[in-house]
Amino acid sequence: MRAVSALELRTFLSRRQLTNATGRDGLPGRCDISWSFLGWPRPALSCLFLWTGGINARCLHFSADSTLLNAFVDRLGEVMTERNILPYDGDAILIDDHGAEFDWPAITRTLIDAIPWQVETARIFGREMPIPRMTAWFGDGGYSYSGILHLPAPFPAIIERLRERAEALSGASFNAALANLYRSCRDSVGWHSDHEAGLGNRPTIASLSLGGERRFQFRHRETKQMITLGLRMGQWLIMAGETQRFWVHQVPKTAAAAAPRVNLSFRHMIP
């Protein structure tokens, strides 16, 4: 993803090959545009385009004029919808990633079976207690939080592939991933923000949800405004900007039955 001008995108669609798409000859497509990563007001803006052969496309119409915009086009020439769910003080971009490149149910089963999951013991308010989920860490360096220390571990091939996807969607680079397995409705993670020193200021974190849908909540530190959504299979939540400074988030327990959920959060750790 990158920000381009309306003229640049028009040229991109009409004269250039879409290197990350395989066109559908003669079929129209629709590209809904947002400015979410810029933190600006986001008027409705759409681009209609027509696949003209191979992986080329011709722009047909823009519904409005703009100076900067973002567009997502996946490998099948399908548009990936995205929206910022935070009203202020940060960016939390929710992306539905349902192209044919990834078989999410199969990937979920592979991760559940292949990752060396562990139940860690955290120190919370001076007490040691097992955290209510299973975790694993992959990255060039270690990672510590709440008295838990994860040692460096290489990326498995499947997580390396997902890391590349996270980088393509976010425009950031990642050298680590924290994996969480929520085994049932009783597993959870409490209110927190990802603000460890190793993440630096204004970190970008790309979080992928797989398996069962779970409730996810944001709460503003000062206004106490709360935002609740259900995170489903194949959805990315990309948190950037001031999100970790102003908002905390959690995955609460639920009374309703829930299928196992895998979460991968990609981040860049500073040595």
C-alpha atoms as a PDB file:
ATOM      1  CA  MET A   1       0.000   0.000   0.000  1.00  0.00           C
ATOM      2  CA  ARG A   2       1.155   3.519  -0.747  1.00  0.00           C
ATOM      3  CA  ALA A   3      -0.461   6.919  -1.057  1.00  0.00           C
ATOM      4  CA  VAL A   4      -0.692   8.274  -4.614  1.00  0.00           C
ATOM      5  CA  SER A   5      -2.402  11.198  -6.292  1.00  0.00           C
ATOM      6  CA  ALA A   6      -5.610  10.725  -8.252  1.00  0.00           C
ATOM      7  CA  LEU A   7      -3.704  11.444 -11.440  1.00  0.00           C
ATOM      8  CA  GLU A   8      -1.029   8.887 -10.540  1.00  0.00           C
ATOM      9  CA  LEU A   9      -3.606   6.209  -9.841  1.00  0.00           C
ATOM     10  CA  ARG A  10      -5.449   7.027 -13.088  1.00  0.00           C
ATOM     11  CA  THR A  11      -2.158   6.580 -14.945  1.00  0.00           C
ATOM     12  CA  PHE A  12      -1.377   3.438 -12.951  1.00  0.00           C
ATOM     13  CA  LEU A  13      -4.689   1.848 -13.909  1.00  0.00           C
ATOM     14  CA  SER A  14      -4.680   2.955 -17.538  1.00  0.00           C
ATOM     15  CA  ARG A  15      -1.066   2.584 -18.636  1.00  0.00           C
ATOM     16  CA  ARG A  16       0.810   0.330 -16.248  1.00  0.00           C
ATOM     17  CA  GLN A  17       0.708  -3.337 -15.480  1.00  0.00           C
ATOM     18  CA  LEU A  18      -0.707  -4.225 -12.081  1.00  0.00           C
ATOM     19  CA  THR A  19       2.171  -6.254 -10.732  1.00  0.00           C
ATOM     20  CA  ASN A  20       0.143  -7.631  -7.832  1.00  0.00           C
ATOM     21  CA  ALA A  21      -2.956  -8.582  -9.835  1.00  0.00           C
ATOM     22  CA  THR A  22      -3.957 -10.974 -12.606  1.00  0.00           C
ATOM     23  CA  GLY A  23      -6.611  -9.291 -14.675  1.00  0.00           C
ATOM     24  CA  ARG A  24      -9.975 -10.588 -15.745  1.00  0.00           C
ATOM     25  CA  ASP A  25     -10.290  -9.589 -19.355  1.00  0.00           C
ATOM     26  CA  GLY A  26     -13.258  -7.411 -20.237  1.00  0.00           C
ATOM     27  CA  LEU A  27     -14.748  -7.437 -16.732  1.00  0.00           C
ATOM     28  CA  PRO A  28     -15.360  -4.227 -14.791  1.00  0.00           C
ATOM     29  CA  GLY A  29     -14.070  -3.720 -11.277  1.00  0.00           C
ATOM     30  CA  ARG A  30     -14.677  -1.161  -8.590  1.00  0.00           C
ATOM     31  CA  CYS A  31     -12.000   0.306  -6.362  1.00  0.00           C
ATOM     32  CA  ASP A  32     -13.248   2.030  -3.208  1.00  0.00           C
ATOM     33  CA  ILE A  33     -10.731   4.556  -1.957  1.00  0.00           C
ATOM     34  CA  SER A  34     -10.095   5.785   1.575  1.00  0.00           C
ATOM     35  CA  TRP A  35      -7.627   8.159   3.178  1.00  0.00           C
ATOM     36  CA  SER A  36      -7.530   6.321   6.473  1.00  0.00           C
ATOM     37  CA  PHE A  37      -3.770   6.076   6.990  1.00  0.00           C
ATOM     38  CA  LEU A  38      -3.490   9.830   6.546  1.00  0.00           C
ATOM     39  CA  GLY A  39      -5.862  10.545   9.416  1.00  0.00           C
ATOM     40  CA  TRP A  40      -7.825  12.988   7.261  1.00  0.00           C
ATOM     41  CA  PRO A  41     -11.594  13.197   6.621  1.00  0.00           C
ATOM     42  CA  ARG A  42     -12.535  10.341   4.326  1.00  0.00           C
ATOM     43  CA  PRO A  43     -15.137  11.267   1.696  1.00  0.00           C
ATOM     44  CA  ALA A  44     -16.629   8.565  -0.482  1.00  0.00           C
ATOM     45  CA  LEU A  45     -14.380   8.073  -3.461  1.00  0.00           C
ATOM     46  CA  SER A  46     -14.562   5.270  -5.999  1.00  0.00           C
ATOM     47  CA  CYS A  47     -12.690   4.297  -9.088  1.00  0.00           C
ATOM     48  CA  LEU A  48     -14.308   2.174 -11.761  1.00  0.00           C
ATOM     49  CA  PHE A  49     -11.898   0.259 -13.944  1.00  0.00           C
ATOM     50  CA  LEU A  50     -12.028  -2.304 -16.722  1.00  0.00           C
ATOM     51  CA  TRP A  51      -9.613  -5.197 -17.177  1.00  0.00           C
ATOM     52  CA  THR A  52      -8.385  -4.849 -20.761  1.00  0.00           C
ATOM     53  CA  GLY A  53      -6.120  -7.877 -21.097  1.00  0.00           C
ATOM     54  CA  GLY A  54      -3.490  -9.822 -19.187  1.00  0.00           C
ATOM     55  CA  ILE A  55      -2.803  -7.759 -16.100  1.00  0.00           C
ATOM     56  CA  ASN A  56      -3.602  -4.341 -17.608  1.00  0.00           C
ATOM     57  CA  ALA A  57      -6.563  -2.195 -16.603  1.00  0.00           C
ATOM     58  CA  ARG A  58      -8.188   0.972 -17.934  1.00  0.00           C
ATOM     59  CA  CYS A  59      -9.643   3.545 -15.565  1.00  0.00           C
ATOM     60  CA  LEU A  60     -13.246   4.407 -16.431  1.00  0.00           C
ATOM     61  CA  HIS A  61     -14.332   6.976 -13.862  1.00  0.00           C
ATOM     62  CA  PHE A  62     -13.525   8.644 -10.555  1.00  0.00           C
ATOM     63  CA  SER A  63     -16.535   9.567  -8.437  1.00  0.00           C
ATOM     64  CA  ALA A  64     -14.728  12.539  -6.883  1.00  0.00           C
ATOM     65  CA  ASP A  65     -11.447  14.420  -7.069  1.00  0.00           C
ATOM     66  CA  SER A  66      -8.765  14.229  -4.397  1.00  0.00           C
ATOM     67  CA  THR A  67      -5.102  14.928  -3.778  1.00  0.00           C
ATOM     68  CA  LEU A  68      -4.129  11.727  -1.983  1.00  0.00           C
ATOM     69  CA  LEU A  69      -5.770   8.319  -1.789  1.00  0.00           C
ATOM     70  CA  ASN A  70      -5.082   4.695  -0.952  1.00  0.00           C
ATOM     71  CA  ALA A  71      -6.197   1.652  -2.915  1.00  0.00           C
ATOM     72  CA  PHE A  72      -5.921  -2.066  -2.376  1.00  0.00           C
ATOM     73  CA  VAL A  73      -5.994  -4.558  -5.262  1.00  0.00           C
ATOM     74  CA  ASP A  74      -5.270  -8.207  -4.562  1.00  0.00           C
ATOM     75  CA  ARG A  75      -3.766 -10.836  -6.829  1.00  0.00           C
ATOM     76  CA  LEU A  76      -7.090 -11.680  -8.458  1.00  0.00           C
ATOM     77  CA  GLY A  77      -7.867  -8.085  -9.290  1.00  0.00           C
ATOM     78  CA  GLU A  78     -10.397  -7.960  -6.445  1.00  0.00           C
ATOM     79  CA  VAL A  79     -10.597  -4.960  -4.163  1.00  0.00           C
ATOM     80  CA  MET A  80      -9.691  -5.395  -0.502  1.00  0.00           C
ATOM     81  CA  THR A  81     -11.937  -3.308   1.726  1.00  0.00           C
ATOM     82  CA  GLU A  82     -10.368  -1.350   4.563  1.00  0.00           C
ATOM     83  CA  ARG A  83     -11.486   1.188   7.150  1.00  0.00           C
ATOM     84  CA  ASN A  84     -10.103   2.990  10.178  1.00  0.00           C
ATOM     85  CA  ILE A  85     -12.157   1.979  13.215  1.00  0.00           C
ATOM     86  CA  LEU A  86     -10.667   4.629  15.528  1.00  0.00           C
ATOM     87  CA  PRO A  87     -12.380   8.029  15.507  1.00  0.00           C
ATOM     88  CA  TYR A  88      -9.299   9.963  16.681  1.00  0.00           C
ATOM     89  CA  ASP A  89      -5.824   9.662  18.245  1.00  0.00           C
ATOM     90  CA  GLY A  90      -4.553   6.794  16.133  1.00  0.00           C
ATOM     91  CA  ASP A  91      -5.063   4.481  13.199  1.00  0.00           C
ATOM     92  CA  ALA A  92      -6.468   0.966  13.481  1.00  0.00           C
ATOM     93  CA  ILE A  93      -7.080  -0.198   9.942  1.00  0.00           C
ATOM     94  CA  LEU A  94      -9.340  -3.218   9.528  1.00  0.00           C
ATOM     95  CA  ILE A  95      -8.728  -5.098   6.273  1.00  0.00           C
ATOM     96  CA  ASP A  96     -10.747  -8.022   4.950  1.00  0.00           C
ATOM     97  CA  ASP A  97      -8.236 -10.247   3.144  1.00  0.00           C
ATOM     98  CA  HIS A  98     -10.238 -12.853   1.261  1.00  0.00           C
ATOM     99  CA  GLY A  99      -8.305 -13.329  -1.976  1.00  0.00           C
ATOM    100  CA  ALA A 100      -7.762 -16.834  -3.279  1.00  0.00           C
ATOM    101  CA  GLU A 101      -4.025 -16.750  -2.517  1.00  0.00           C
ATOM    102  CA  PHE A 102      -4.548 -17.863   1.090  1.00  0.00           C
ATOM    103  CA  ASP A 103      -6.573 -20.830   2.325  1.00  0.00           C
ATOM    104  CA  TRP A 104      -7.241 -19.448   5.787  1.00  0.00           C
ATOM    105  CA  PRO A 105      -8.881 -22.570   7.313  1.00  0.00           C
ATOM    106  CA  ALA A 106      -5.960 -24.745   6.175  1.00  0.00           C
ATOM    107  CA  ILE A 107      -3.417 -22.194   7.429  1.00  0.00           C
ATOM    108  CA  THR A 108      -5.206 -22.060  10.784  1.00  0.00           C
ATOM    109  CA  ARG A 109      -5.028 -25.835  11.191  1.00  0.00           C
ATOM    110  CA  THR A 110      -1.340 -25.833  10.254  1.00  0.00           C
ATOM    111  CA  LEU A 111      -0.516 -23.132  12.804  1.00  0.00           C
ATOM    112  CA  ILE A 112      -2.443 -24.852  15.595  1.00  0.00           C
ATOM    113  CA  ASP A 113      -0.718 -28.174  14.905  1.00  0.00           C
ATOM    114  CA  ALA A 114       2.814 -26.992  14.103  1.00  0.00           C
ATOM    115  CA  ILE A 115       3.576 -24.069  16.412  1.00  0.00           C
ATOM    116  CA  PRO A 116       5.312 -25.032  19.701  1.00  0.00           C
ATOM    117  CA  TRP A 117       2.650 -23.430  21.905  1.00  0.00           C
ATOM    118  CA  GLN A 118       3.352 -22.814  25.586  1.00  0.00           C
ATOM    119  CA  VAL A 119       1.366 -21.620  28.591  1.00  0.00           C
ATOM    120  CA  GLU A 120       3.458 -18.831  30.084  1.00  0.00           C
ATOM    121  CA  THR A 121       3.437 -17.575  33.665  1.00  0.00           C
ATOM    122  CA  ALA A 122       3.188 -13.800  34.041  1.00  0.00           C
ATOM    123  CA  ARG A 123       3.909 -11.589  37.051  1.00  0.00           C
ATOM    124  CA  ILE A 124       0.866  -9.336  37.528  1.00  0.00           C
ATOM    125  CA  PHE A 125       0.636  -6.992  40.521  1.00  0.00           C
ATOM    126  CA  GLY A 126       3.375  -8.989  42.232  1.00  0.00           C
ATOM    127  CA  ARG A 127       1.656 -12.350  41.740  1.00  0.00           C
ATOM    128  CA  GLU A 128       2.643 -15.121  39.346  1.00  0.00           C
ATOM    129  CA  MET A 129      -0.195 -16.689  37.395  1.00  0.00           C
ATOM    130  CA  PRO A 130      -0.569 -18.608  34.134  1.00  0.00           C
ATOM    131  CA  ILE A 131      -1.875 -16.413  31.338  1.00  0.00           C
ATOM    132  CA  PRO A 132      -5.229 -17.565  29.894  1.00  0.00           C
ATOM    133  CA  ARG A 133      -4.023 -18.383  26.392  1.00  0.00           C
ATOM    134  CA  MET A 134      -1.087 -20.113  24.704  1.00  0.00           C
ATOM    135  CA  THR A 135       1.744 -18.204  23.063  1.00  0.00           C
ATOM    136  CA  ALA A 136       4.811 -18.535  20.852  1.00  0.00           C
ATOM    137  CA  TRP A 137       7.431 -16.065  19.655  1.00  0.00           C
ATOM    138  CA  PHE A 138       9.362 -15.826  16.397  1.00  0.00           C
ATOM    139  CA  GLY A 139      11.987 -13.219  15.609  1.00  0.00           C
ATOM    140  CA  ASP A 140      15.623 -12.205  15.376  1.00  0.00           C
ATOM    141  CA  GLY A 141      15.696 -11.053  18.984  1.00  0.00           C
ATOM    142  CA  GLY A 142      14.002 -11.881  22.251  1.00  0.00           C
ATOM    143  CA  TYR A 143      10.899 -10.283  23.728  1.00  0.00           C
ATOM    144  CA  SER A 144       9.833  -9.714  27.319  1.00  0.00           C
ATOM    145  CA  TYR A 145       6.651  -8.435  28.939  1.00  0.00           C
ATOM    146  CA  SER A 146       4.950  -8.953  32.334  1.00  0.00           C
ATOM    147  CA  GLY A 147       7.887 -11.048  33.510  1.00  0.00           C
ATOM    148  CA  ILE A 148       7.697 -13.349  30.466  1.00  0.00           C
ATOM    149  CA  LEU A 149      10.825 -13.811  28.355  1.00  0.00           C
ATOM    150  CA  HIS A 150      10.641 -15.162  24.803  1.00  0.00           C
ATOM    151  CA  LEU A 151      13.947 -16.223  23.268  1.00  0.00           C
ATOM    152  CA  PRO A 152      14.810 -15.634  19.581  1.00  0.00           C
ATOM    153  CA  ALA A 153      13.381 -18.223  17.187  1.00  0.00           C
ATOM    154  CA  PRO A 154      13.400 -18.446  13.369  1.00  0.00           C
ATOM    155  CA  PHE A 155      10.256 -17.858  11.330  1.00  0.00           C
ATOM    156  CA  PRO A 156       8.575 -21.061  10.131  1.00  0.00           C
ATOM    157  CA  ALA A 157       7.918 -20.988   6.391  1.00  0.00           C
ATOM    158  CA  ILE A 158       4.177 -20.347   6.765  1.00  0.00           C
ATOM    159  CA  ILE A 159       4.707 -17.427   9.155  1.00  0.00           C
ATOM    160  CA  GLU A 160       7.397 -15.997   6.885  1.00  0.00           C
ATOM    161  CA  ARG A 161       4.843 -15.995   4.065  1.00  0.00           C
ATOM    162  CA  LEU A 162       2.319 -14.214   6.266  1.00  0.00           C
ATOM    163  CA  ARG A 163       4.985 -11.722   7.349  1.00  0.00           C
ATOM    164  CA  GLU A 164       5.468 -10.789   3.700  1.00  0.00           C
ATOM    165  CA  ARG A 165       1.715 -10.299   3.376  1.00  0.00           C
ATOM    166  CA  ALA A 166       1.670  -8.083   6.473  1.00  0.00           C
ATOM    167  CA  GLU A 167       4.452  -5.932   5.054  1.00  0.00           C
ATOM    168  CA  ALA A 168       2.688  -5.609   1.702  1.00  0.00           C
ATOM    169  CA  LEU A 169      -0.539  -4.450   3.364  1.00  0.00           C
ATOM    170  CA  SER A 170       0.962  -2.119   5.950  1.00  0.00           C
ATOM    171  CA  GLY A 171       3.936  -0.658   4.123  1.00  0.00           C
ATOM    172  CA  ALA A 172       6.036  -1.418   7.229  1.00  0.00           C
ATOM    173  CA  SER A 173       8.846  -3.916   7.792  1.00  0.00           C
ATOM    174  CA  PHE A 174       8.612  -6.598  10.487  1.00  0.00           C
ATOM    175  CA  ASN A 175      11.266  -8.792  12.100  1.00  0.00           C
ATOM    176  CA  ALA A 176       9.185 -10.527  14.765  1.00  0.00           C
ATOM    177  CA  ALA A 177       5.801 -12.108  15.411  1.00  0.00           C
ATOM    178  CA  LEU A 178       3.921 -12.943  18.603  1.00  0.00           C
ATOM    179  CA  ALA A 179       1.472 -15.829  18.181  1.00  0.00           C
ATOM    180  CA  ASN A 180      -1.507 -16.327  20.491  1.00  0.00           C
ATOM    181  CA  LEU A 181      -3.840 -19.310  20.646  1.00  0.00           C
ATOM    182  CA  TYR A 182      -7.224 -18.758  22.279  1.00  0.00           C
ATOM    183  CA  ARG A 183      -8.342 -22.323  22.857  1.00  0.00           C
ATOM    184  CA  SER A 184     -11.903 -21.598  23.931  1.00  0.00           C
ATOM    185  CA  CYS A 185     -14.229 -18.860  25.135  1.00  0.00           C
ATOM    186  CA  ARG A 186     -12.377 -18.914  28.489  1.00  0.00           C
ATOM    187  CA  ASP A 187      -9.065 -17.752  27.007  1.00  0.00           C
ATOM    188  CA  SER A 188      -8.486 -14.016  26.853  1.00  0.00           C
ATOM    189  CA  VAL A 189      -6.070 -11.104  27.091  1.00  0.00           C
ATOM    190  CA  GLY A 190      -6.783  -8.135  29.364  1.00  0.00           C
ATOM    191  CA  TRP A 191      -6.495  -4.407  28.751  1.00  0.00           C
ATOM    192  CA  HIS A 192      -3.044  -3.442  27.536  1.00  0.00           C
ATOM    193  CA  SER A 193      -1.146  -1.541  24.879  1.00  0.00           C
ATOM    194  CA  ASP A 194       1.932  -2.614  22.951  1.00  0.00           C
ATOM    195  CA  HIS A 195       4.286   0.062  24.247  1.00  0.00           C
ATOM    196  CA  GLU A 196       7.438  -1.847  25.194  1.00  0.00           C
ATOM    197  CA  ALA A 197      10.683   0.074  24.667  1.00  0.00           C
ATOM    198  CA  GLY A 198      11.787  -2.372  21.978  1.00  0.00           C
ATOM    199  CA  LEU A 199       8.887  -1.301  19.775  1.00  0.00           C
ATOM    200  CA  GLY A 200       9.960   2.339  19.625  1.00  0.00           C
ATOM    201  CA  ASN A 201       7.639   5.325  19.315  1.00  0.00           C
ATOM    202  CA  ARG A 202       4.478   5.103  17.182  1.00  0.00           C
ATOM    203  CA  PRO A 203       4.962   1.417  16.279  1.00  0.00           C
ATOM    204  CA  THR A 204       3.075  -0.250  13.446  1.00  0.00           C
ATOM    205  CA  ILE A 205       1.676  -3.657  14.402  1.00  0.00           C
ATOM    206  CA  ALA A 206      -0.117  -5.882  11.896  1.00  0.00           C
ATOM    207  CA  SER A 207      -2.409  -8.383  13.614  1.00  0.00           C
ATOM    208  CA  LEU A 208      -3.990 -11.287  11.717  1.00  0.00           C
ATOM    209  CA  SER A 209      -7.064 -13.145  13.027  1.00  0.00           C
ATOM    210  CA  LEU A 210      -7.614 -16.799  12.126  1.00  0.00           C
ATOM    211  CA  GLY A 211     -10.078 -19.418  13.318  1.00  0.00           C
ATOM    212  CA  GLY A 212     -13.114 -18.541  15.411  1.00  0.00           C
ATOM    213  CA  GLU A 213     -14.506 -15.026  15.652  1.00  0.00           C
ATOM    214  CA  ARG A 214     -13.783 -13.211  18.914  1.00  0.00           C
ATOM    215  CA  ARG A 215     -14.822  -9.893  20.377  1.00  0.00           C
ATOM    216  CA  PHE A 216     -12.062  -7.252  20.310  1.00  0.00           C
ATOM    217  CA  GLN A 217     -12.256  -3.950  22.173  1.00  0.00           C
ATOM    218  CA  PHE A 218     -10.451  -0.606  22.209  1.00  0.00           C
ATOM    219  CA  ARG A 219     -10.713   1.890  25.083  1.00  0.00           C
ATOM    220  CA  HIS A 220      -9.324   5.411  25.010  1.00  0.00           C
ATOM    221  CA  ARG A 221      -7.050   6.160  27.960  1.00  0.00           C
ATOM    222  CA  GLU A 222      -8.475   9.645  28.588  1.00  0.00           C
ATOM    223  CA  THR A 223     -12.015   9.823  27.217  1.00  0.00           C
ATOM    224  CA  LYS A 224     -12.791   6.177  28.102  1.00  0.00           C
ATOM    225  CA  GLN A 225     -14.628   5.795  24.799  1.00  0.00           C
ATOM    226  CA  MET A 226     -14.929   2.118  23.938  1.00  0.00           C
ATOM    227  CA  ILE A 227     -15.078   0.498  20.513  1.00  0.00           C
ATOM    228  CA  THR A 228     -16.110  -3.135  20.122  1.00  0.00           C
ATOM    229  CA  LEU A 229     -15.929  -5.293  17.020  1.00  0.00           C
ATOM    230  CA  GLY A 230     -15.834  -8.954  16.091  1.00  0.00           C
ATOM    231  CA  LEU A 231     -12.587 -10.066  14.467  1.00  0.00           C
ATOM    232  CA  ARG A 232     -13.158 -12.819  11.909  1.00  0.00           C
ATOM    233  CA  MET A 233     -11.042 -15.256   9.909  1.00  0.00           C
ATOM    234  CA  GLY A 234      -8.785 -13.512   7.405  1.00  0.00           C
ATOM    235  CA  GLN A 235      -9.035 -10.029   8.879  1.00  0.00           C
ATOM    236  CA  TRP A 236      -5.992  -7.859   9.485  1.00  0.00           C
ATOM    237  CA  LEU A 237      -5.989  -5.104  12.088  1.00  0.00           C
ATOM    238  CA  ILE A 238      -3.104  -2.733  11.453  1.00  0.00           C
ATOM    239  CA  MET A 239      -2.445  -0.434  14.398  1.00  0.00           C
ATOM    240  CA  ALA A 240      -0.246   2.563  13.680  1.00  0.00           C
ATOM    241  CA  GLY A 241       0.431   6.185  14.545  1.00  0.00           C
ATOM    242  CA  GLU A 242      -0.573   7.195  18.074  1.00  0.00           C
ATOM    243  CA  THR A 243      -2.745   4.124  18.703  1.00  0.00           C
ATOM    244  CA  GLN A 244      -0.576   2.556  21.410  1.00  0.00           C
ATOM    245  CA  ARG A 245      -0.167   5.892  23.184  1.00  0.00           C
ATOM    246  CA  PHE A 246      -3.862   6.741  23.458  1.00  0.00           C
ATOM    247  CA  TRP A 247      -5.715   3.423  23.284  1.00  0.00           C
ATOM    248  CA  VAL A 248      -5.625   0.113  25.154  1.00  0.00           C
ATOM    249  CA  HIS A 249      -7.168  -3.064  23.765  1.00  0.00           C
ATOM    250  CA  GLN A 250      -8.308  -6.488  24.913  1.00  0.00           C
ATOM    251  CA  VAL A 251      -9.872  -9.804  23.866  1.00  0.00           C
ATOM    252  CA  PRO A 252     -12.286 -10.535  26.732  1.00  0.00           C
ATOM    253  CA  LYS A 253     -13.681 -13.858  27.846  1.00  0.00           C
ATOM    254  CA  THR A 254     -17.102 -14.675  26.466  1.00  0.00           C
ATOM    255  CA  ALA A 255     -20.030 -16.707  27.724  1.00  0.00           C
ATOM    256  CA  ALA A 256     -20.799 -17.991  24.237  1.00  0.00           C
ATOM    257  CA  ALA A 257     -18.964 -20.985  22.829  1.00  0.00           C
ATOM    258  CA  ALA A 258     -16.053 -20.023  20.589  1.00  0.00           C
ATOM    259  CA  ALA A 259     -13.928 -22.022  18.173  1.00  0.00           C
ATOM    260  CA  PRO A 260     -10.140 -21.870  18.679  1.00  0.00           C
ATOM    261  CA  ARG A 261      -8.665 -18.590  17.463  1.00  0.00           C
ATOM    262  CA  VAL A 262      -5.095 -17.928  16.321  1.00  0.00           C
ATOM    263  CA  ASN A 263      -3.722 -14.402  16.321  1.00  0.00           C
ATOM    264  CA  LEU A 264      -0.405 -13.408  14.768  1.00  0.00           C
ATOM    265  CA  SER A 265       0.857  -9.904  15.525  1.00  0.00           C
ATOM    266  CA  PHE A 266       3.797  -8.792  13.427  1.00  0.00           C
ATOM    267  CA  ARG A 267       6.013  -6.021  14.737  1.00  0.00           C
ATOM    268  CA  HIS A 268       9.468  -4.477  14.272  1.00  0.00           C
ATOM    269  CA  MET A 269      11.704  -4.878  17.305  1.00  0.00           C
ATOM    270  CA  ILE A 270      14.531  -2.407  17.806  1.00  0.00           C
ATOM    271  CA  PRO A 271      17.750  -4.067  19.041  1.00  0.00           C
END
